[in-house]
Amino acid sequence: MVYFFVDDDADDQEIFGLAIAELDGTATCRFANDGLEALEALQDESFTPSLIFIDLNMPRMNGNECLAELKKLERLSKVPIFIYSTSSDPKLIAASKALGADDFIVKPSGFQALTEILKKLTQ
């Protein structure tokens, strides 16, 4: 499996990568620092991730803007896309789902909680 994690926080990227490695040592995790970088990476048609996780609050292009652009790419139509945020605001969750997010994940406070969430999504 290839995971694509879009987040401007290097610590969050590292923790996410470690959680993926713990769940599946054969998985690959690729990162982008914001929505524009993610779109650029996905212009390479040889790169089609198994799952995409996008932080909601990022500079240059936020998560929902990135999500809307990714939904325009036909080759990604079957790739689950999750918004990943510290916010649990029902309006933000509804907005992300209305744009086509498969789900909205509130960033857990601990590593173990993150691995449990990822385990459920990858089964």
PDB file of N, CA and C in Angstrom:
ATOM      1  N   MET A   1       0.846  -1.184   0.000  1.00  0.00           N
ATOM      2  CA  MET A   1       0.000   0.000   0.000  1.00  0.00           C
ATOM      3  C   MET A   1       0.891   1.246   0.000  1.00  0.00           C
ATOM      4  N   VAL A   2       0.389   2.263  -0.648  1.00  0.00           N
ATOM      5  CA  VAL A   2       1.087   3.539  -0.687  1.00  0.00           C
ATOM      6  C   VAL A   2       0.168   4.595  -0.086  1.00  0.00           C
ATOM      7  N   TYR A   3       0.641   5.225   0.972  1.00  0.00           N
ATOM      8  CA  TYR A   3      -0.118   6.265   1.656  1.00  0.00           C
ATOM      9  C   TYR A   3       0.450   7.623   1.270  1.00  0.00           C
ATOM     10  N   PHE A   4      -0.436   8.597   1.063  1.00  0.00           N
ATOM     11  CA  PHE A   4      -0.009   9.956   0.755  1.00  0.00           C
ATOM     12  C   PHE A   4      -0.558  10.854   1.851  1.00  0.00           C
ATOM     13  N   PHE A   5       0.342  11.508   2.561  1.00  0.00           N
ATOM     14  CA  PHE A   5      -0.024  12.336   3.707  1.00  0.00           C
ATOM     15  C   PHE A   5       0.371  13.774   3.416  1.00  0.00           C
ATOM     16  N   VAL A   6      -0.615  14.661   3.421  1.00  0.00           N
ATOM     17  CA  VAL A   6      -0.401  16.069   3.095  1.00  0.00           C
ATOM     18  C   VAL A   6      -0.599  16.878   4.372  1.00  0.00           C
ATOM     19  N   ASP A   7       0.498  17.428   4.890  1.00  0.00           N
ATOM     20  CA  ASP A   7       0.441  18.180   6.153  1.00  0.00           C
ATOM     21  C   ASP A   7       1.670  19.073   6.241  1.00  0.00           C
ATOM     22  N   ASP A   8       1.474  20.294   6.673  1.00  0.00           N
ATOM     23  CA  ASP A   8       2.585  21.236   6.760  1.00  0.00           C
ATOM     24  C   ASP A   8       3.401  21.079   8.041  1.00  0.00           C
ATOM     25  N   ASP A   9       3.006  20.181   8.921  1.00  0.00           N
ATOM     26  CA  ASP A   9       3.702  19.979  10.196  1.00  0.00           C
ATOM     27  C   ASP A   9       4.624  18.754  10.096  1.00  0.00           C
ATOM     28  N   ALA A  10       5.931  19.010  10.175  1.00  0.00           N
ATOM     29  CA  ALA A  10       6.915  17.920  10.045  1.00  0.00           C
ATOM     30  C   ALA A  10       6.750  16.867  11.140  1.00  0.00           C
ATOM     31  N   ASP A  11       6.382  17.281  12.347  1.00  0.00           N
ATOM     32  CA  ASP A  11       6.172  16.318  13.436  1.00  0.00           C
ATOM     33  C   ASP A  11       5.000  15.395  13.115  1.00  0.00           C
ATOM     34  N   ASP A  12       3.911  15.958  12.596  1.00  0.00           N
ATOM     35  CA  ASP A  12       2.757  15.140  12.228  1.00  0.00           C
ATOM     36  C   ASP A  12       3.125  14.166  11.111  1.00  0.00           C
ATOM     37  N   GLN A  13       3.945  14.616  10.170  1.00  0.00           N
ATOM     38  CA  GLN A  13       4.394  13.719   9.100  1.00  0.00           C
ATOM     39  C   GLN A  13       5.193  12.554   9.680  1.00  0.00           C
ATOM     40  N   GLU A  14       6.092  12.866  10.584  1.00  0.00           N
ATOM     41  CA  GLU A  14       6.928  11.815  11.180  1.00  0.00           C
ATOM     42  C   GLU A  14       6.079  10.812  11.965  1.00  0.00           C
ATOM     43  N   ILE A  15       5.163  11.295  12.775  1.00  0.00           N
ATOM     44  CA  ILE A  15       4.308  10.419  13.578  1.00  0.00           C
ATOM     45  C   ILE A  15       3.439   9.546  12.665  1.00  0.00           C
ATOM     46  N   PHE A  16       2.883  10.149  11.618  1.00  0.00           N
ATOM     47  CA  PHE A  16       2.057   9.387  10.683  1.00  0.00           C
ATOM     48  C   PHE A  16       2.885   8.291  10.017  1.00  0.00           C
ATOM     49  N   GLY A  17       4.079   8.629   9.575  1.00  0.00           N
ATOM     50  CA  GLY A  17       4.965   7.645   8.942  1.00  0.00           C
ATOM     51  C   GLY A  17       5.320   6.507   9.875  1.00  0.00           C
ATOM     52  N   LEU A  18       5.581   6.830  11.136  1.00  0.00           N
ATOM     53  CA  LEU A  18       5.902   5.792  12.123  1.00  0.00           C
ATOM     54  C   LEU A  18       4.696   4.880  12.371  1.00  0.00           C
ATOM     55  N   ALA A  19       3.504   5.470  12.413  1.00  0.00           N
ATOM     56  CA  ALA A  19       2.290   4.672  12.635  1.00  0.00           C
ATOM     57  C   ALA A  19       2.048   3.721  11.468  1.00  0.00           C
ATOM     58  N   ILE A  20       2.248   4.211  10.254  1.00  0.00           N
ATOM     59  CA  ILE A  20       2.081   3.357   9.069  1.00  0.00           C
ATOM     60  C   ILE A  20       3.107   2.222   9.102  1.00  0.00           C
ATOM     61  N   ALA A  21       4.346   2.550   9.423  1.00  0.00           N
ATOM     62  CA  ALA A  21       5.404   1.534   9.473  1.00  0.00           C
ATOM     63  C   ALA A  21       5.101   0.470  10.518  1.00  0.00           C
ATOM     64  N   GLU A  22       4.512   0.879  11.638  1.00  0.00           N
ATOM     65  CA  GLU A  22       4.164  -0.096  12.676  1.00  0.00           C
ATOM     66  C   GLU A  22       3.054  -1.028  12.202  1.00  0.00           C
ATOM     67  N   LEU A  23       2.109  -0.496  11.453  1.00  0.00           N
ATOM     68  CA  LEU A  23       0.994  -1.308  10.959  1.00  0.00           C
ATOM     69  C   LEU A  23       1.397  -2.238   9.825  1.00  0.00           C
ATOM     70  N   ASP A  24       2.254  -1.724   8.937  1.00  0.00           N
ATOM     71  CA  ASP A  24       2.626  -2.494   7.755  1.00  0.00           C
ATOM     72  C   ASP A  24       4.033  -2.086   7.337  1.00  0.00           C
ATOM     73  N   GLY A  25       4.990  -2.902   7.691  1.00  0.00           N
ATOM     74  CA  GLY A  25       6.379  -2.608   7.389  1.00  0.00           C
ATOM     75  C   GLY A  25       6.699  -2.566   5.905  1.00  0.00           C
ATOM     76  N   THR A  26       5.792  -3.076   5.067  1.00  0.00           N
ATOM     77  CA  THR A  26       6.024  -3.056   3.625  1.00  0.00           C
ATOM     78  C   THR A  26       5.370  -1.848   2.950  1.00  0.00           C
ATOM     79  N   ALA A  27       4.594  -1.092   3.695  1.00  0.00           N
ATOM     80  CA  ALA A  27       3.896   0.070   3.128  1.00  0.00           C
ATOM     81  C   ALA A  27       4.872   1.206   2.854  1.00  0.00           C
ATOM     82  N   THR A  28       4.498   2.038   1.903  1.00  0.00           N
ATOM     83  CA  THR A  28       5.256   3.236   1.572  1.00  0.00           C
ATOM     84  C   THR A  28       4.427   4.440   1.967  1.00  0.00           C
ATOM     85  N   CYS A  29       5.080   5.441   2.524  1.00  0.00           N
ATOM     86  CA  CYS A  29       4.392   6.665   2.899  1.00  0.00           C
ATOM     87  C   CYS A  29       5.098   7.834   2.220  1.00  0.00           C
ATOM     88  N   ARG A  30       4.350   8.588   1.435  1.00  0.00           N
ATOM     89  CA  ARG A  30       4.899   9.757   0.747  1.00  0.00           C
ATOM     90  C   ARG A  30       4.237  10.997   1.334  1.00  0.00           C
ATOM     91  N   PHE A  31       4.983  12.092   1.373  1.00  0.00           N
ATOM     92  CA  PHE A  31       4.506  13.301   2.040  1.00  0.00           C
ATOM     93  C   PHE A  31       4.532  14.507   1.110  1.00  0.00           C
ATOM     94  N   ALA A  32       3.617  15.440   1.374  1.00  0.00           N
ATOM     95  CA  ALA A  32       3.625  16.760   0.752  1.00  0.00           C
ATOM     96  C   ALA A  32       3.380  17.761   1.873  1.00  0.00           C
ATOM     97  N   ASN A  33       3.948  18.947   1.741  1.00  0.00           N
ATOM     98  CA  ASN A  33       3.862  19.957   2.798  1.00  0.00           C
ATOM     99  C   ASN A  33       2.650  20.868   2.696  1.00  0.00           C
ATOM    100  N   ASP A  34       1.961  20.846   1.588  1.00  0.00           N
ATOM    101  CA  ASP A  34       0.728  21.627   1.435  1.00  0.00           C
ATOM    102  C   ASP A  34      -0.029  21.128   0.211  1.00  0.00           C
ATOM    103  N   GLY A  35      -1.208  21.709  -0.006  1.00  0.00           N
ATOM    104  CA  GLY A  35      -2.048  21.263  -1.107  1.00  0.00           C
ATOM    105  C   GLY A  35      -1.428  21.444  -2.479  1.00  0.00           C
ATOM    106  N   LEU A  36      -0.729  22.550  -2.684  1.00  0.00           N
ATOM    107  CA  LEU A  36      -0.101  22.780  -3.987  1.00  0.00           C
ATOM    108  C   LEU A  36       0.984  21.747  -4.265  1.00  0.00           C
ATOM    109  N   GLU A  37       1.763  21.426  -3.251  1.00  0.00           N
ATOM    110  CA  GLU A  37       2.799  20.400  -3.409  1.00  0.00           C
ATOM    111  C   GLU A  37       2.167  19.037  -3.685  1.00  0.00           C
ATOM    112  N   ALA A  38       1.033  18.772  -3.047  1.00  0.00           N
ATOM    113  CA  ALA A  38       0.324  17.505  -3.277  1.00  0.00           C
ATOM    114  C   ALA A  38      -0.159  17.407  -4.717  1.00  0.00           C
ATOM    115  N   LEU A  39      -0.747  18.482  -5.215  1.00  0.00           N
ATOM    116  CA  LEU A  39      -1.231  18.474  -6.604  1.00  0.00           C
ATOM    117  C   LEU A  39      -0.085  18.284  -7.584  1.00  0.00           C
ATOM    118  N   GLU A  40       1.035  18.916  -7.289  1.00  0.00           N
ATOM    119  CA  GLU A  40       2.211  18.765  -8.145  1.00  0.00           C
ATOM    120  C   GLU A  40       2.677  17.302  -8.163  1.00  0.00           C
ATOM    121  N   ALA A  41       2.742  16.676  -6.984  1.00  0.00           N
ATOM    122  CA  ALA A  41       3.179  15.282  -6.895  1.00  0.00           C
ATOM    123  C   ALA A  41       2.234  14.361  -7.662  1.00  0.00           C
ATOM    124  N   LEU A  42       0.950  14.672  -7.620  1.00  0.00           N
ATOM    125  CA  LEU A  42      -0.043  13.811  -8.257  1.00  0.00           C
ATOM    126  C   LEU A  42      -0.167  14.053  -9.765  1.00  0.00           C
ATOM    127  N   GLN A  43       0.549  15.034 -10.289  1.00  0.00           N
ATOM    128  CA  GLN A  43       0.596  15.212 -11.740  1.00  0.00           C
ATOM    129  C   GLN A  43       1.361  14.051 -12.385  1.00  0.00           C
ATOM    130  N   ASP A  44       2.222  13.425 -11.592  1.00  0.00           N
ATOM    131  CA  ASP A  44       2.961  12.246 -12.048  1.00  0.00           C
ATOM    132  C   ASP A  44       1.988  11.068 -12.058  1.00  0.00           C
ATOM    133  N   GLU A  45       1.567  10.662 -13.224  1.00  0.00           N
ATOM    134  CA  GLU A  45       0.541   9.616 -13.326  1.00  0.00           C
ATOM    135  C   GLU A  45       1.023   8.251 -12.862  1.00  0.00           C
ATOM    136  N   SER A  46       2.329   8.087 -12.670  1.00  0.00           N
ATOM    137  CA  SER A  46       2.822   6.815 -12.146  1.00  0.00           C
ATOM    138  C   SER A  46       2.632   6.739 -10.624  1.00  0.00           C
ATOM    139  N   PHE A  47       2.250   7.849 -10.005  1.00  0.00           N
ATOM    140  CA  PHE A  47       2.023   7.894  -8.560  1.00  0.00           C
ATOM    141  C   PHE A  47       0.527   7.922  -8.281  1.00  0.00           C
ATOM    142  N   THR A  48       0.007   6.773  -7.867  1.00  0.00           N
ATOM    143  CA  THR A  48      -1.395   6.681  -7.469  1.00  0.00           C
ATOM    144  C   THR A  48      -1.442   6.045  -6.095  1.00  0.00           C
ATOM    145  N   PRO A  49      -1.637   6.857  -5.060  1.00  0.00           N
ATOM    146  CA  PRO A  49      -1.649   6.311  -3.703  1.00  0.00           C
ATOM    147  C   PRO A  49      -2.864   5.425  -3.439  1.00  0.00           C
ATOM    148  N   SER A  50      -2.738   4.571  -2.438  1.00  0.00           N
ATOM    149  CA  SER A  50      -3.845   3.710  -2.022  1.00  0.00           C
ATOM    150  C   SER A  50      -4.845   4.496  -1.176  1.00  0.00           C
ATOM    151  N   LEU A  51      -4.327   5.386  -0.336  1.00  0.00           N
ATOM    152  CA  LEU A  51      -5.138   6.254   0.526  1.00  0.00           C
ATOM    153  C   LEU A  51      -4.469   7.618   0.589  1.00  0.00           C
ATOM    154  N   ILE A  52      -5.296   8.681   0.692  1.00  0.00           N
ATOM    155  CA  ILE A  52      -4.780  10.041   0.813  1.00  0.00           C
ATOM    156  C   ILE A  52      -5.343  10.665   2.087  1.00  0.00           C
ATOM    157  N   PHE A  53      -4.458  11.279   2.850  1.00  0.00           N
ATOM    158  CA  PHE A  53      -4.833  11.992   4.077  1.00  0.00           C
ATOM    159  C   PHE A  53      -4.394  13.443   3.909  1.00  0.00           C
ATOM    160  N   ILE A  54      -5.328  14.387   4.127  1.00  0.00           N
ATOM    161  CA  ILE A  54      -5.030  15.798   3.913  1.00  0.00           C
ATOM    162  C   ILE A  54      -5.363  16.589   5.173  1.00  0.00           C
ATOM    163  N   ASP A  55      -4.372  17.293   5.693  1.00  0.00           N
ATOM    164  CA  ASP A  55      -4.596  18.194   6.826  1.00  0.00           C
ATOM    165  C   ASP A  55      -5.523  19.313   6.357  1.00  0.00           C
ATOM    166  N   LEU A  56      -6.415  19.743   7.214  1.00  0.00           N
ATOM    167  CA  LEU A  56      -7.368  20.785   6.847  1.00  0.00           C
ATOM    168  C   LEU A  56      -6.714  22.170   6.806  1.00  0.00           C
ATOM    169  N   ASN A  57      -5.926  22.494   7.814  1.00  0.00           N
ATOM    170  CA  ASN A  57      -5.356  23.839   7.929  1.00  0.00           C
ATOM    171  C   ASN A  57      -3.902  23.867   7.496  1.00  0.00           C
ATOM    172  N   MET A  58      -3.684  24.384   6.279  1.00  0.00           N
ATOM    173  CA  MET A  58      -2.333  24.501   5.729  1.00  0.00           C
ATOM    174  C   MET A  58      -2.224  25.828   4.994  1.00  0.00           C
ATOM    175  N   PRO A  59      -0.992  26.331   4.877  1.00  0.00           N
ATOM    176  CA  PRO A  59      -0.796  27.559   4.101  1.00  0.00           C
ATOM    177  C   PRO A  59      -0.914  27.283   2.599  1.00  0.00           C
ATOM    178  N   ARG A  60      -1.025  28.311   1.828  1.00  0.00           N
ATOM    179  CA  ARG A  60      -1.092  28.308   0.357  1.00  0.00           C
ATOM    180  C   ARG A  60      -2.366  27.676  -0.189  1.00  0.00           C
ATOM    181  N   MET A  61      -2.693  26.480   0.225  1.00  0.00           N
ATOM    182  CA  MET A  61      -3.918  25.803  -0.207  1.00  0.00           C
ATOM    183  C   MET A  61      -4.371  24.897   0.928  1.00  0.00           C
ATOM    184  N   ASN A  62      -5.553  25.174   1.483  1.00  0.00           N
ATOM    185  CA  ASN A  62      -6.003  24.367   2.626  1.00  0.00           C
ATOM    186  C   ASN A  62      -6.516  22.998   2.169  1.00  0.00           C
ATOM    187  N   GLY A  63      -6.842  22.182   3.137  1.00  0.00           N
ATOM    188  CA  GLY A  63      -7.248  20.809   2.855  1.00  0.00           C
ATOM    189  C   GLY A  63      -8.481  20.689   1.986  1.00  0.00           C
ATOM    190  N   ASN A  64      -9.500  21.508   2.241  1.00  0.00           N
ATOM    191  CA  ASN A  64     -10.712  21.421   1.430  1.00  0.00           C
ATOM    192  C   ASN A  64     -10.472  21.899   0.005  1.00  0.00           C
ATOM    193  N   GLU A  65      -9.624  22.902  -0.173  1.00  0.00           N
ATOM    194  CA  GLU A  65      -9.284  23.351  -1.528  1.00  0.00           C
ATOM    195  C   GLU A  65      -8.537  22.252  -2.274  1.00  0.00           C
ATOM    196  N   CYS A  66      -7.613  21.599  -1.580  1.00  0.00           N
ATOM    197  CA  CYS A  66      -6.865  20.492  -2.171  1.00  0.00           C
ATOM    198  C   CYS A  66      -7.806  19.340  -2.517  1.00  0.00           C
ATOM    199  N   LEU A  67      -8.686  19.010  -1.605  1.00  0.00           N
ATOM    200  CA  LEU A  67      -9.668  17.944  -1.823  1.00  0.00           C
ATOM    201  C   LEU A  67     -10.496  18.215  -3.076  1.00  0.00           C
ATOM    202  N   ALA A  68     -10.977  19.435  -3.219  1.00  0.00           N
ATOM    203  CA  ALA A  68     -11.799  19.794  -4.378  1.00  0.00           C
ATOM    204  C   ALA A  68     -11.015  19.594  -5.674  1.00  0.00           C
ATOM    205  N   GLU A  69      -9.743  19.949  -5.675  1.00  0.00           N
ATOM    206  CA  GLU A  69      -8.913  19.766  -6.870  1.00  0.00           C
ATOM    207  C   GLU A  69      -8.646  18.281  -7.148  1.00  0.00           C
ATOM    208  N   LEU A  70      -8.405  17.504  -6.095  1.00  0.00           N
ATOM    209  CA  LEU A  70      -8.151  16.067  -6.279  1.00  0.00           C
ATOM    210  C   LEU A  70      -9.381  15.357  -6.826  1.00  0.00           C
ATOM    211  N   LYS A  71     -10.545  15.797  -6.440  1.00  0.00           N
ATOM    212  CA  LYS A  71     -11.783  15.172  -6.906  1.00  0.00           C
ATOM    213  C   LYS A  71     -11.993  15.385  -8.405  1.00  0.00           C
ATOM    214  N   LYS A  72     -11.284  16.331  -8.987  1.00  0.00           N
ATOM    215  CA  LYS A  72     -11.372  16.578 -10.433  1.00  0.00           C
ATOM    216  C   LYS A  72     -10.510  15.608 -11.240  1.00  0.00           C
ATOM    217  N   LEU A  73      -9.620  14.890 -10.564  1.00  0.00           N
ATOM    218  CA  LEU A  73      -8.704  13.973 -11.246  1.00  0.00           C
ATOM    219  C   LEU A  73      -9.347  12.588 -11.355  1.00  0.00           C
ATOM    220  N   GLU A  74      -9.750  12.243 -12.537  1.00  0.00           N
ATOM    221  CA  GLU A  74     -10.471  10.982 -12.783  1.00  0.00           C
ATOM    222  C   GLU A  74      -9.700   9.766 -12.281  1.00  0.00           C
ATOM    223  N   ARG A  75      -8.394   9.748 -12.462  1.00  0.00           N
ATOM    224  CA  ARG A  75      -7.625   8.562 -12.078  1.00  0.00           C
ATOM    225  C   ARG A  75      -7.593   8.349 -10.569  1.00  0.00           C
ATOM    226  N   LEU A  76      -7.992   9.347  -9.794  1.00  0.00           N
ATOM    227  CA  LEU A  76      -8.044   9.198  -8.341  1.00  0.00           C
ATOM    228  C   LEU A  76      -9.461   8.933  -7.827  1.00  0.00           C
ATOM    229  N   SER A  77     -10.396   8.730  -8.729  1.00  0.00           N
ATOM    230  CA  SER A  77     -11.806   8.618  -8.333  1.00  0.00           C
ATOM    231  C   SER A  77     -12.084   7.474  -7.360  1.00  0.00           C
ATOM    232  N   LYS A  78     -11.270   6.443  -7.382  1.00  0.00           N
ATOM    233  CA  LYS A  78     -11.499   5.309  -6.486  1.00  0.00           C
ATOM    234  C   LYS A  78     -10.572   5.320  -5.264  1.00  0.00           C
ATOM    235  N   VAL A  79      -9.741   6.345  -5.150  1.00  0.00           N
ATOM    236  CA  VAL A  79      -8.808   6.450  -4.025  1.00  0.00           C
ATOM    237  C   VAL A  79      -9.511   7.155  -2.860  1.00  0.00           C
ATOM    238  N   PRO A  80      -9.623   6.498  -1.713  1.00  0.00           N
ATOM    239  CA  PRO A  80     -10.239   7.156  -0.554  1.00  0.00           C
ATOM    240  C   PRO A  80      -9.394   8.354  -0.102  1.00  0.00           C
ATOM    241  N   ILE A  81     -10.093   9.465   0.165  1.00  0.00           N
ATOM    242  CA  ILE A  81      -9.432  10.685   0.621  1.00  0.00           C
ATOM    243  C   ILE A  81     -10.048  11.087   1.955  1.00  0.00           C
ATOM    244  N   PHE A  82      -9.163  11.285   2.939  1.00  0.00           N
ATOM    245  CA  PHE A  82      -9.594  11.639   4.287  1.00  0.00           C
ATOM    246  C   PHE A  82      -9.049  13.009   4.670  1.00  0.00           C
ATOM    247  N   ILE A  83      -9.911  13.834   5.228  1.00  0.00           N
ATOM    248  CA  ILE A  83      -9.446  15.094   5.815  1.00  0.00           C
ATOM    249  C   ILE A  83      -9.021  14.758   7.242  1.00  0.00           C
ATOM    250  N   TYR A  84      -7.906  15.339   7.642  1.00  0.00           N
ATOM    251  CA  TYR A  84      -7.253  15.019   8.923  1.00  0.00           C
ATOM    252  C   TYR A  84      -7.016  16.343   9.639  1.00  0.00           C
ATOM    253  N   SER A  85      -7.677  16.557  10.797  1.00  0.00           N
ATOM    254  CA  SER A  85      -7.616  17.871  11.433  1.00  0.00           C
ATOM    255  C   SER A  85      -7.719  17.787  12.949  1.00  0.00           C
ATOM    256  N   THR A  86      -7.215  18.811  13.598  1.00  0.00           N
ATOM    257  CA  THR A  86      -7.385  18.915  15.053  1.00  0.00           C
ATOM    258  C   THR A  86      -8.798  19.376  15.388  1.00  0.00           C
ATOM    259  N   SER A  87      -9.501  19.941  14.431  1.00  0.00           N
ATOM    260  CA  SER A  87     -10.847  20.459  14.663  1.00  0.00           C
ATOM    261  C   SER A  87     -11.884  19.336  14.638  1.00  0.00           C
ATOM    262  N   SER A  88     -12.902  19.496  15.467  1.00  0.00           N
ATOM    263  CA  SER A  88     -14.031  18.563  15.428  1.00  0.00           C
ATOM    264  C   SER A  88     -15.330  19.329  15.181  1.00  0.00           C
ATOM    265  N   ASP A  89     -15.213  20.512  14.598  1.00  0.00           N
ATOM    266  CA  ASP A  89     -16.357  21.377  14.302  1.00  0.00           C
ATOM    267  C   ASP A  89     -17.278  20.681  13.288  1.00  0.00           C
ATOM    268  N   PRO A  90     -18.530  20.433  13.672  1.00  0.00           N
ATOM    269  CA  PRO A  90     -19.457  19.745  12.762  1.00  0.00           C
ATOM    270  C   PRO A  90     -19.615  20.439  11.410  1.00  0.00           C
ATOM    271  N   LYS A  91     -19.520  21.770  11.376  1.00  0.00           N
ATOM    272  CA  LYS A  91     -19.650  22.497  10.105  1.00  0.00           C
ATOM    273  C   LYS A  91     -18.467  22.207   9.189  1.00  0.00           C
ATOM    274  N   LEU A  92     -17.266  22.129   9.756  1.00  0.00           N
ATOM    275  CA  LEU A  92     -16.083  21.804   8.960  1.00  0.00           C
ATOM    276  C   LEU A  92     -16.151  20.373   8.448  1.00  0.00           C
ATOM    277  N   ILE A  93     -16.610  19.471   9.302  1.00  0.00           N
ATOM    278  CA  ILE A  93     -16.751  18.064   8.912  1.00  0.00           C
ATOM    279  C   ILE A  93     -17.756  17.942   7.764  1.00  0.00           C
ATOM    280  N   ALA A  94     -18.898  18.607   7.909  1.00  0.00           N
ATOM    281  CA  ALA A  94     -19.931  18.562   6.866  1.00  0.00           C
ATOM    282  C   ALA A  94     -19.421  19.160   5.559  1.00  0.00           C
ATOM    283  N   ALA A  95     -18.667  20.250   5.635  1.00  0.00           N
ATOM    284  CA  ALA A  95     -18.133  20.889   4.430  1.00  0.00           C
ATOM    285  C   ALA A  95     -17.163  19.958   3.707  1.00  0.00           C
ATOM    286  N   SER A  96     -16.307  19.291   4.474  1.00  0.00           N
ATOM    287  CA  SER A  96     -15.344  18.363   3.863  1.00  0.00           C
ATOM    288  C   SER A  96     -16.054  17.186   3.205  1.00  0.00           C
ATOM    289  N   LYS A  97     -17.040  16.645   3.874  1.00  0.00           N
ATOM    290  CA  LYS A  97     -17.777  15.512   3.300  1.00  0.00           C
ATOM    291  C   LYS A  97     -18.572  15.943   2.071  1.00  0.00           C
ATOM    292  N   ALA A  98     -19.092  17.173   2.084  1.00  0.00           N
ATOM    293  CA  ALA A  98     -19.829  17.681   0.926  1.00  0.00           C
ATOM    294  C   ALA A  98     -18.916  17.825  -0.297  1.00  0.00           C
ATOM    295  N   LEU A  99     -17.644  18.083  -0.051  1.00  0.00           N
ATOM    296  CA  LEU A  99     -16.671  18.186  -1.144  1.00  0.00           C
ATOM    297  C   LEU A  99     -16.183  16.821  -1.629  1.00  0.00           C
ATOM    298  N   GLY A 100     -16.582  15.758  -0.927  1.00  0.00           N
ATOM    299  CA  GLY A 100     -16.239  14.417  -1.375  1.00  0.00           C
ATOM    300  C   GLY A 100     -15.273  13.647  -0.504  1.00  0.00           C
ATOM    301  N   ALA A 101     -14.935  14.177   0.667  1.00  0.00           N
ATOM    302  CA  ALA A 101     -14.055  13.413   1.566  1.00  0.00           C
ATOM    303  C   ALA A 101     -14.752  12.122   1.969  1.00  0.00           C
ATOM    304  N   ASP A 102     -13.999  11.042   1.978  1.00  0.00           N
ATOM    305  CA  ASP A 102     -14.572   9.761   2.401  1.00  0.00           C
ATOM    306  C   ASP A 102     -14.855   9.767   3.891  1.00  0.00           C
ATOM    307  N   ASP A 103     -14.056  10.518   4.641  1.00  0.00           N
ATOM    308  CA  ASP A 103     -14.306  10.683   6.070  1.00  0.00           C
ATOM    309  C   ASP A 103     -13.464  11.845   6.579  1.00  0.00           C
ATOM    310  N   PHE A 104     -13.757  12.259   7.782  1.00  0.00           N
ATOM    311  CA  PHE A 104     -13.063  13.351   8.452  1.00  0.00           C
ATOM    312  C   PHE A 104     -12.497  12.753   9.731  1.00  0.00           C
ATOM    313  N   ILE A 105     -11.194  12.782   9.860  1.00  0.00           N
ATOM    314  CA  ILE A 105     -10.539  12.188  11.020  1.00  0.00           C
ATOM    315  C   ILE A 105     -10.021  13.298  11.921  1.00  0.00           C
ATOM    316  N   VAL A 106     -10.470  13.292  13.167  1.00  0.00           N
ATOM    317  CA  VAL A 106      -9.937  14.241  14.140  1.00  0.00           C
ATOM    318  C   VAL A 106      -8.610  13.679  14.635  1.00  0.00           C
ATOM    319  N   LYS A 107      -7.552  14.490  14.507  1.00  0.00           N
ATOM    320  CA  LYS A 107      -6.220  14.027  14.899  1.00  0.00           C
ATOM    321  C   LYS A 107      -6.243  13.544  16.336  1.00  0.00           C
ATOM    322  N   PRO A 108      -5.852  12.308  16.561  1.00  0.00           N
ATOM    323  CA  PRO A 108      -5.834  11.780  17.928  1.00  0.00           C
ATOM    324  C   PRO A 108      -4.668  12.373  18.718  1.00  0.00           C
ATOM    325  N   SER A 109      -4.791  12.309  20.023  1.00  0.00           N
ATOM    326  CA  SER A 109      -3.766  12.910  20.880  1.00  0.00           C
ATOM    327  C   SER A 109      -2.553  12.008  21.086  1.00  0.00           C
ATOM    328  N   GLY A 110      -2.685  10.742  20.794  1.00  0.00           N
ATOM    329  CA  GLY A 110      -1.571   9.834  21.044  1.00  0.00           C
ATOM    330  C   GLY A 110      -1.265   8.924  19.866  1.00  0.00           C
ATOM    331  N   PHE A 111      -0.066   8.400  19.875  1.00  0.00           N
ATOM    332  CA  PHE A 111       0.412   7.517  18.815  1.00  0.00           C
ATOM    333  C   PHE A 111      -0.443   6.258  18.708  1.00  0.00           C
ATOM    334  N   GLN A 112      -0.751   5.643  19.831  1.00  0.00           N
ATOM    335  CA  GLN A 112      -1.529   4.401  19.818  1.00  0.00           C
ATOM    336  C   GLN A 112      -2.919   4.628  19.236  1.00  0.00           C
ATOM    337  N   ALA A 113      -3.526   5.754  19.576  1.00  0.00           N
ATOM    338  CA  ALA A 113      -4.849   6.068  19.033  1.00  0.00           C
ATOM    339  C   ALA A 113      -4.774   6.246  17.513  1.00  0.00           C
ATOM    340  N   LEU A 114      -3.700   6.861  17.031  1.00  0.00           N
ATOM    341  CA  LEU A 114      -3.517   7.028  15.589  1.00  0.00           C
ATOM    342  C   LEU A 114      -3.383   5.673  14.905  1.00  0.00           C
ATOM    343  N   THR A 115      -2.576   4.797  15.470  1.00  0.00           N
ATOM    344  CA  THR A 115      -2.416   3.478  14.845  1.00  0.00           C
ATOM    345  C   THR A 115      -3.732   2.712  14.821  1.00  0.00           C
ATOM    346  N   GLU A 116      -4.552   2.867  15.847  1.00  0.00           N
ATOM    347  CA  GLU A 116      -5.864   2.187  15.870  1.00  0.00           C
ATOM    348  C   GLU A 116      -6.768   2.725  14.766  1.00  0.00           C
ATOM    349  N   ILE A 117      -6.771   4.046  14.579  1.00  0.00           N
ATOM    350  CA  ILE A 117      -7.587   4.642  13.515  1.00  0.00           C
ATOM    351  C   ILE A 117      -7.107   4.140  12.155  1.00  0.00           C
ATOM    352  N   LEU A 118      -5.807   4.163  11.935  1.00  0.00           N
ATOM    353  CA  LEU A 118      -5.264   3.725  10.654  1.00  0.00           C
ATOM    354  C   LEU A 118      -5.512   2.244  10.411  1.00  0.00           C
ATOM    355  N   LYS A 119      -5.440   1.457  11.470  1.00  0.00           N
ATOM    356  CA  LYS A 119      -5.693   0.018  11.347  1.00  0.00           C
ATOM    357  C   LYS A 119      -7.109  -0.233  10.847  1.00  0.00           C
ATOM    358  N   LYS A 120      -8.090   0.504  11.383  1.00  0.00           N
ATOM    359  CA  LYS A 120      -9.479   0.360  10.948  1.00  0.00           C
ATOM    360  C   LYS A 120      -9.646   0.753   9.489  1.00  0.00           C
ATOM    361  N   LEU A 121      -8.948   1.782   9.059  1.00  0.00           N
ATOM    362  CA  LEU A 121      -9.090   2.261   7.686  1.00  0.00           C
ATOM    363  C   LEU A 121      -8.425   1.345   6.668  1.00  0.00           C
ATOM    364  N   THR A 122      -7.439   0.582   7.104  1.00  0.00           N
ATOM    365  CA  THR A 122      -6.684  -0.242   6.158  1.00  0.00           C
ATOM    366  C   THR A 122      -7.134  -1.691   6.128  1.00  0.00           C
ATOM    367  N   GLN A 123      -8.114  -2.046   6.898  1.00  0.00           N
ATOM    368  CA  GLN A 123      -8.582  -3.444   6.903  1.00  0.00           C
ATOM    369  C   GLN A 123      -9.605  -3.677   5.834  1.00  0.00           C
TER     370      GLN A 123
END
